[in-house]
Amino acid sequence: MAKELVLILGGARSGKSSHAQSLALELAGPRVLYLATAEGRDDEMRARIAAHRADRPAGWRTLEAPLLSGLPCGPAVEDAQVVLLDCMTLLATNAIFAGAGGEGSGEPSAAEAEAAVAREVEALLKAYRASGASWIVVSNEVGMGLVPPYPLGRSYRDALGRANQAVAAAADRVILMVAGLPLKVK
């Protein structure tokens, strides 16, 4: 298997994670490292995380990685044949709030949000290049919806949109999920 970077984009509940898991199984079987960016800050999110865990094959290793800038590229990454990052959408959220000093400490400026997310994309691409594994990155396509009515929403949408563009430019394949169907973009 040749090493590759795959970006899977789509809207909420478009089938991104399911498709990413199927692709990871196809490429690597059990030698998958699942980088989970979600944090269980409330009951509903903890339930979502539990459902995602239940959907994963039992043999996959999981590394909780709310931010990639501090990701240890040690044995867990080196031993994997495929690294599945699910998802860049929450990674961007985590980066923006970490850059603001944590949730509840004030909203970051658009420039701060952009810089925080750009650092995480840089860390992601650096980790990909340093590893021998293929990487599958899941992210929401945020450019097809309404313009958010508040500044932080617009900053987030812009930062994630630019992050998606940067990963897509570096990717070997880009897949857009629509109603559970994968559409080849690149």
C-alpha atoms as a PDB file:
ATOM      1  CA  MET A   1       0.000   0.000   0.000  1.00  0.00           C
ATOM      2  CA  ALA A   2       1.414   3.375  -1.007  1.00  0.00           C
ATOM      3  CA  LYS A   3       1.194   6.086   1.623  1.00  0.00           C
ATOM      4  CA  GLU A   4      -1.501   8.673   0.896  1.00  0.00           C
ATOM      5  CA  LEU A   5      -3.422  11.529   2.471  1.00  0.00           C
ATOM      6  CA  VAL A   6      -7.203  11.358   2.036  1.00  0.00           C
ATOM      7  CA  LEU A   7      -9.617  14.155   2.996  1.00  0.00           C
ATOM      8  CA  ILE A   8     -13.270  13.229   3.463  1.00  0.00           C
ATOM      9  CA  LEU A   9     -15.605  16.235   3.562  1.00  0.00           C
ATOM     10  CA  GLY A  10     -19.338  16.523   3.948  1.00  0.00           C
ATOM     11  CA  GLY A  11     -22.167  18.008   5.932  1.00  0.00           C
ATOM     12  CA  ALA A  12     -23.478  16.775   9.257  1.00  0.00           C
ATOM     13  CA  ARG A  13     -24.715  13.177   9.063  1.00  0.00           C
ATOM     14  CA  SER A  14     -23.534  12.809   5.474  1.00  0.00           C
ATOM     15  CA  GLY A  15     -21.743   9.506   6.180  1.00  0.00           C
ATOM     16  CA  LYS A  16     -18.198  10.904   6.548  1.00  0.00           C
ATOM     17  CA  SER A  17     -17.140   8.847   9.560  1.00  0.00           C
ATOM     18  CA  SER A  18     -18.669   5.603   8.278  1.00  0.00           C
ATOM     19  CA  HIS A  19     -16.972   6.010   4.924  1.00  0.00           C
ATOM     20  CA  ALA A  20     -13.663   6.878   6.584  1.00  0.00           C
ATOM     21  CA  GLN A  21     -13.844   3.757   8.739  1.00  0.00           C
ATOM     22  CA  SER A  22     -14.663   1.558   5.734  1.00  0.00           C
ATOM     23  CA  LEU A  23     -11.744   3.043   3.824  1.00  0.00           C
ATOM     24  CA  ALA A  24      -9.397   2.545   6.784  1.00  0.00           C
ATOM     25  CA  LEU A  25     -10.425  -1.128   7.052  1.00  0.00           C
ATOM     26  CA  GLU A  26      -9.887  -1.543   3.328  1.00  0.00           C
ATOM     27  CA  LEU A  27      -6.417   0.013   3.499  1.00  0.00           C
ATOM     28  CA  ALA A  28      -5.113  -1.367   6.779  1.00  0.00           C
ATOM     29  CA  GLY A  29      -7.410  -3.863   8.425  1.00  0.00           C
ATOM     30  CA  PRO A  30      -6.709  -3.822  12.156  1.00  0.00           C
ATOM     31  CA  ARG A  31      -3.587  -1.599  12.079  1.00  0.00           C
ATOM     32  CA  VAL A  32      -5.505   1.649  12.419  1.00  0.00           C
ATOM     33  CA  LEU A  33      -4.843   4.441  14.870  1.00  0.00           C
ATOM     34  CA  TYR A  34      -7.967   6.509  15.471  1.00  0.00           C
ATOM     35  CA  LEU A  35      -7.195  10.103  16.488  1.00  0.00           C
ATOM     36  CA  ALA A  36     -10.304  11.301  18.308  1.00  0.00           C
ATOM     37  CA  THR A  37     -10.599  15.068  18.635  1.00  0.00           C
ATOM     38  CA  ALA A  38     -13.954  15.223  20.459  1.00  0.00           C
ATOM     39  CA  GLU A  39     -14.100  16.143  24.117  1.00  0.00           C
ATOM     40  CA  GLY A  40     -17.004  15.003  26.290  1.00  0.00           C
ATOM     41  CA  ARG A  41     -17.908  18.304  27.898  1.00  0.00           C
ATOM     42  CA  ASP A  42     -21.612  17.493  28.338  1.00  0.00           C
ATOM     43  CA  ASP A  43     -23.883  14.444  28.463  1.00  0.00           C
ATOM     44  CA  GLU A  44     -24.977  14.696  24.839  1.00  0.00           C
ATOM     45  CA  MET A  45     -21.367  14.857  23.592  1.00  0.00           C
ATOM     46  CA  ARG A  46     -20.330  11.979  25.866  1.00  0.00           C
ATOM     47  CA  ALA A  47     -23.157   9.909  24.329  1.00  0.00           C
ATOM     48  CA  ARG A  48     -21.961  10.782  20.807  1.00  0.00           C
ATOM     49  CA  ILE A  49     -18.403   9.765  21.715  1.00  0.00           C
ATOM     50  CA  ALA A  50     -19.656   6.464  23.150  1.00  0.00           C
ATOM     51  CA  ALA A  51     -21.623   5.766  19.950  1.00  0.00           C
ATOM     52  CA  HIS A  52     -18.530   6.466  17.816  1.00  0.00           C
ATOM     53  CA  ARG A  53     -16.444   4.136  20.006  1.00  0.00           C
ATOM     54  CA  ALA A  54     -19.054   1.381  19.652  1.00  0.00           C
ATOM     55  CA  ASP A  55     -18.957   1.724  15.851  1.00  0.00           C
ATOM     56  CA  ARG A  56     -15.177   1.218  15.638  1.00  0.00           C
ATOM     57  CA  PRO A  57     -13.600  -2.196  15.180  1.00  0.00           C
ATOM     58  CA  ALA A  58     -12.393  -3.575  18.520  1.00  0.00           C
ATOM     59  CA  GLY A  59      -8.775  -3.976  17.390  1.00  0.00           C
ATOM     60  CA  TRP A  60      -8.243  -0.333  16.501  1.00  0.00           C
ATOM     61  CA  ARG A  61      -6.192   1.796  18.853  1.00  0.00           C
ATOM     62  CA  THR A  62      -7.595   5.172  19.874  1.00  0.00           C
ATOM     63  CA  LEU A  63      -5.608   8.219  20.875  1.00  0.00           C
ATOM     64  CA  GLU A  64      -7.573  11.102  22.371  1.00  0.00           C
ATOM     65  CA  ALA A  65      -6.067  14.139  20.625  1.00  0.00           C
ATOM     66  CA  PRO A  66      -8.092  17.330  21.079  1.00  0.00           C
ATOM     67  CA  LEU A  67      -5.093  19.203  19.623  1.00  0.00           C
ATOM     68  CA  LEU A  68      -2.414  17.887  17.261  1.00  0.00           C
ATOM     69  CA  SER A  69       0.221  20.506  18.013  1.00  0.00           C
ATOM     70  CA  GLY A  70       1.278  18.427  21.038  1.00  0.00           C
ATOM     71  CA  LEU A  71       0.758  15.036  19.402  1.00  0.00           C
ATOM     72  CA  PRO A  72       3.514  12.601  20.326  1.00  0.00           C
ATOM     73  CA  CYS A  73       4.645  10.959  17.093  1.00  0.00           C
ATOM     74  CA  GLY A  74       5.796   7.884  18.966  1.00  0.00           C
ATOM     75  CA  PRO A  75       5.136   4.148  18.719  1.00  0.00           C
ATOM     76  CA  ALA A  76       1.341   4.478  18.459  1.00  0.00           C
ATOM     77  CA  VAL A  77       1.626   6.517  15.256  1.00  0.00           C
ATOM     78  CA  GLU A  78       4.689   4.680  13.927  1.00  0.00           C
ATOM     79  CA  ASP A  79       3.040   1.248  14.229  1.00  0.00           C
ATOM     80  CA  ALA A  80      -0.137   2.269  12.427  1.00  0.00           C
ATOM     81  CA  GLN A  81      -0.686   1.540   8.775  1.00  0.00           C
ATOM     82  CA  VAL A  82      -3.525   4.090   8.670  1.00  0.00           C
ATOM     83  CA  VAL A  83      -4.201   7.060  10.936  1.00  0.00           C
ATOM     84  CA  LEU A  84      -7.838   8.163  10.920  1.00  0.00           C
ATOM     85  CA  LEU A  85      -8.382  11.691  12.252  1.00  0.00           C
ATOM     86  CA  ASP A  86     -12.032  12.258  13.174  1.00  0.00           C
ATOM     87  CA  CYS A  87     -12.520  15.113  12.959  1.00  0.00           C
ATOM     88  CA  MET A  88     -10.854  18.334  11.862  1.00  0.00           C
ATOM     89  CA  THR A  89     -14.106  20.171  12.590  1.00  0.00           C
ATOM     90  CA  LEU A  90     -13.743  19.627  16.337  1.00  0.00           C
ATOM     91  CA  LEU A  91      -9.973  20.067  16.129  1.00  0.00           C
ATOM     92  CA  ALA A  92     -10.631  23.609  14.846  1.00  0.00           C
ATOM     93  CA  THR A  93     -13.072  24.277  17.691  1.00  0.00           C
ATOM     94  CA  ASN A  94     -10.574  23.014  20.257  1.00  0.00           C
ATOM     95  CA  ALA A  95      -7.778  25.120  18.756  1.00  0.00           C
ATOM     96  CA  ILE A  96      -9.861  28.281  18.720  1.00  0.00           C
ATOM     97  CA  PHE A  97     -10.929  27.923  22.356  1.00  0.00           C
ATOM     98  CA  ALA A  98      -7.445  26.875  23.499  1.00  0.00           C
ATOM     99  CA  GLY A  99      -6.033  29.957  21.774  1.00  0.00           C
ATOM    100  CA  ALA A 100      -8.579  32.092  23.609  1.00  0.00           C
ATOM    101  CA  GLY A 101      -7.387  30.735  26.947  1.00  0.00           C
ATOM    102  CA  GLY A 102     -10.180  28.176  27.202  1.00  0.00           C
ATOM    103  CA  GLU A 103     -13.912  28.133  26.781  1.00  0.00           C
ATOM    104  CA  GLY A 104     -15.616  30.969  28.618  1.00  0.00           C
ATOM    105  CA  SER A 105     -12.585  33.276  28.758  1.00  0.00           C
ATOM    106  CA  GLY A 106     -13.681  35.511  25.902  1.00  0.00           C
ATOM    107  CA  GLU A 107     -13.951  35.247  22.169  1.00  0.00           C
ATOM    108  CA  PRO A 108     -10.779  35.234  20.101  1.00  0.00           C
ATOM    109  CA  SER A 109     -10.424  37.664  17.228  1.00  0.00           C
ATOM    110  CA  ALA A 110     -10.759  36.410  13.661  1.00  0.00           C
ATOM    111  CA  ALA A 111      -6.968  36.609  13.296  1.00  0.00           C
ATOM    112  CA  GLU A 112      -6.422  34.610  16.511  1.00  0.00           C
ATOM    113  CA  ALA A 113      -8.912  31.948  15.403  1.00  0.00           C
ATOM    114  CA  GLU A 114      -7.290  31.703  11.987  1.00  0.00           C
ATOM    115  CA  ALA A 115      -3.784  31.412  13.477  1.00  0.00           C
ATOM    116  CA  ALA A 116      -4.839  28.772  16.003  1.00  0.00           C
ATOM    117  CA  VAL A 117      -6.432  26.564  13.343  1.00  0.00           C
ATOM    118  CA  ALA A 118      -3.512  27.107  10.941  1.00  0.00           C
ATOM    119  CA  ARG A 119      -1.117  25.820  13.647  1.00  0.00           C
ATOM    120  CA  GLU A 120      -3.158  22.631  13.941  1.00  0.00           C
ATOM    121  CA  VAL A 121      -3.203  22.112  10.164  1.00  0.00           C
ATOM    122  CA  GLU A 122       0.560  22.611  10.115  1.00  0.00           C
ATOM    123  CA  ALA A 123       0.913  20.042  12.929  1.00  0.00           C
ATOM    124  CA  LEU A 124      -1.365  17.607  11.063  1.00  0.00           C
ATOM    125  CA  LEU A 125       0.602  17.863   7.814  1.00  0.00           C
ATOM    126  CA  LYS A 126       3.919  17.621   9.676  1.00  0.00           C
ATOM    127  CA  ALA A 127       2.764  14.464  11.494  1.00  0.00           C
ATOM    128  CA  TYR A 128       1.535  12.965   8.218  1.00  0.00           C
ATOM    129  CA  ARG A 129       4.849  13.637   6.462  1.00  0.00           C
ATOM    130  CA  ALA A 130       6.849  12.236   9.413  1.00  0.00           C
ATOM    131  CA  SER A 131       4.860   9.004   9.621  1.00  0.00           C
ATOM    132  CA  GLY A 132       4.942   6.020   7.316  1.00  0.00           C
ATOM    133  CA  ALA A 133       1.159   5.664   7.506  1.00  0.00           C
ATOM    134  CA  SER A 134      -1.617   6.773   5.232  1.00  0.00           C
ATOM    135  CA  TRP A 135      -3.862   9.355   6.857  1.00  0.00           C
ATOM    136  CA  ILE A 136      -7.610   9.792   6.469  1.00  0.00           C
ATOM    137  CA  VAL A 137      -8.890  13.156   7.672  1.00  0.00           C
ATOM    138  CA  VAL A 138     -12.605  13.763   8.247  1.00  0.00           C
ATOM    139  CA  SER A 139     -13.958  17.323   8.196  1.00  0.00           C
ATOM    140  CA  ASN A 140     -17.224  19.165   7.731  1.00  0.00           C
ATOM    141  CA  GLU A 141     -17.730  21.192   4.581  1.00  0.00           C
ATOM    142  CA  VAL A 142     -18.795  24.530   6.033  1.00  0.00           C
ATOM    143  CA  GLY A 143     -18.900  26.683   2.921  1.00  0.00           C
ATOM    144  CA  MET A 144     -22.317  25.635   1.645  1.00  0.00           C
ATOM    145  CA  GLY A 145     -24.442  26.900   4.503  1.00  0.00           C
ATOM    146  CA  LEU A 146     -25.708  30.234   5.657  1.00  0.00           C
ATOM    147  CA  VAL A 147     -23.360  32.967   6.798  1.00  0.00           C
ATOM    148  CA  PRO A 148     -23.322  32.751  10.619  1.00  0.00           C
ATOM    149  CA  PRO A 149     -25.006  35.777  12.223  1.00  0.00           C
ATOM    150  CA  TYR A 150     -22.308  36.306  14.877  1.00  0.00           C
ATOM    151  CA  PRO A 151     -18.565  37.110  14.639  1.00  0.00           C
ATOM    152  CA  LEU A 152     -17.187  33.934  16.269  1.00  0.00           C
ATOM    153  CA  GLY A 153     -19.299  31.764  13.943  1.00  0.00           C
ATOM    154  CA  ARG A 154     -17.961  33.601  10.908  1.00  0.00           C
ATOM    155  CA  SER A 155     -14.381  33.359  12.212  1.00  0.00           C
ATOM    156  CA  TYR A 156     -14.817  29.633  12.789  1.00  0.00           C
ATOM    157  CA  ARG A 157     -16.353  29.041   9.356  1.00  0.00           C
ATOM    158  CA  ASP A 158     -13.567  30.988   7.667  1.00  0.00           C
ATOM    159  CA  ALA A 159     -10.766  29.277   9.624  1.00  0.00           C
ATOM    160  CA  LEU A 160     -12.153  25.770   9.013  1.00  0.00           C
ATOM    161  CA  GLY A 161     -12.793  26.553   5.346  1.00  0.00           C
ATOM    162  CA  ARG A 162      -9.165  27.606   4.913  1.00  0.00           C
ATOM    163  CA  ALA A 163      -8.001  24.541   6.859  1.00  0.00           C
ATOM    164  CA  ASN A 164     -10.027  22.301   4.532  1.00  0.00           C
ATOM    165  CA  GLN A 165      -8.432  24.043   1.534  1.00  0.00           C
ATOM    166  CA  ALA A 166      -4.913  23.521   2.921  1.00  0.00           C
ATOM    167  CA  VAL A 167      -5.463  19.826   3.627  1.00  0.00           C
ATOM    168  CA  ALA A 168      -7.200  19.335   0.265  1.00  0.00           C
ATOM    169  CA  ALA A 169      -4.230  20.930  -1.528  1.00  0.00           C
ATOM    170  CA  ALA A 170      -1.854  18.487   0.189  1.00  0.00           C
ATOM    171  CA  ALA A 171      -4.164  15.470  -0.170  1.00  0.00           C
ATOM    172  CA  ASP A 172      -3.805  12.727  -2.731  1.00  0.00           C
ATOM    173  CA  ARG A 173      -7.562  12.151  -2.662  1.00  0.00           C
ATOM    174  CA  VAL A 174     -10.526  14.300  -1.648  1.00  0.00           C
ATOM    175  CA  ILE A 175     -13.968  12.752  -1.240  1.00  0.00           C
ATOM    176  CA  LEU A 176     -17.191  14.705  -0.719  1.00  0.00           C
ATOM    177  CA  MET A 177     -19.948  12.778   1.042  1.00  0.00           C
ATOM    178  CA  VAL A 178     -23.530  13.559   0.060  1.00  0.00           C
ATOM    179  CA  ALA A 179     -26.407  11.536   1.574  1.00  0.00           C
ATOM    180  CA  GLY A 180     -24.059   8.640   2.317  1.00  0.00           C
ATOM    181  CA  LEU A 181     -22.608   8.585  -1.179  1.00  0.00           C
ATOM    182  CA  PRO A 182     -18.912   9.295  -1.802  1.00  0.00           C
ATOM    183  CA  LEU A 183     -18.180  11.698  -4.650  1.00  0.00           C
ATOM    184  CA  LYS A 184     -14.597  11.877  -5.906  1.00  0.00           C
ATOM    185  CA  VAL A 185     -13.373  15.473  -5.934  1.00  0.00           C
ATOM    186  CA  LYS A 186      -9.662  14.868  -6.371  1.00  0.00           C
END
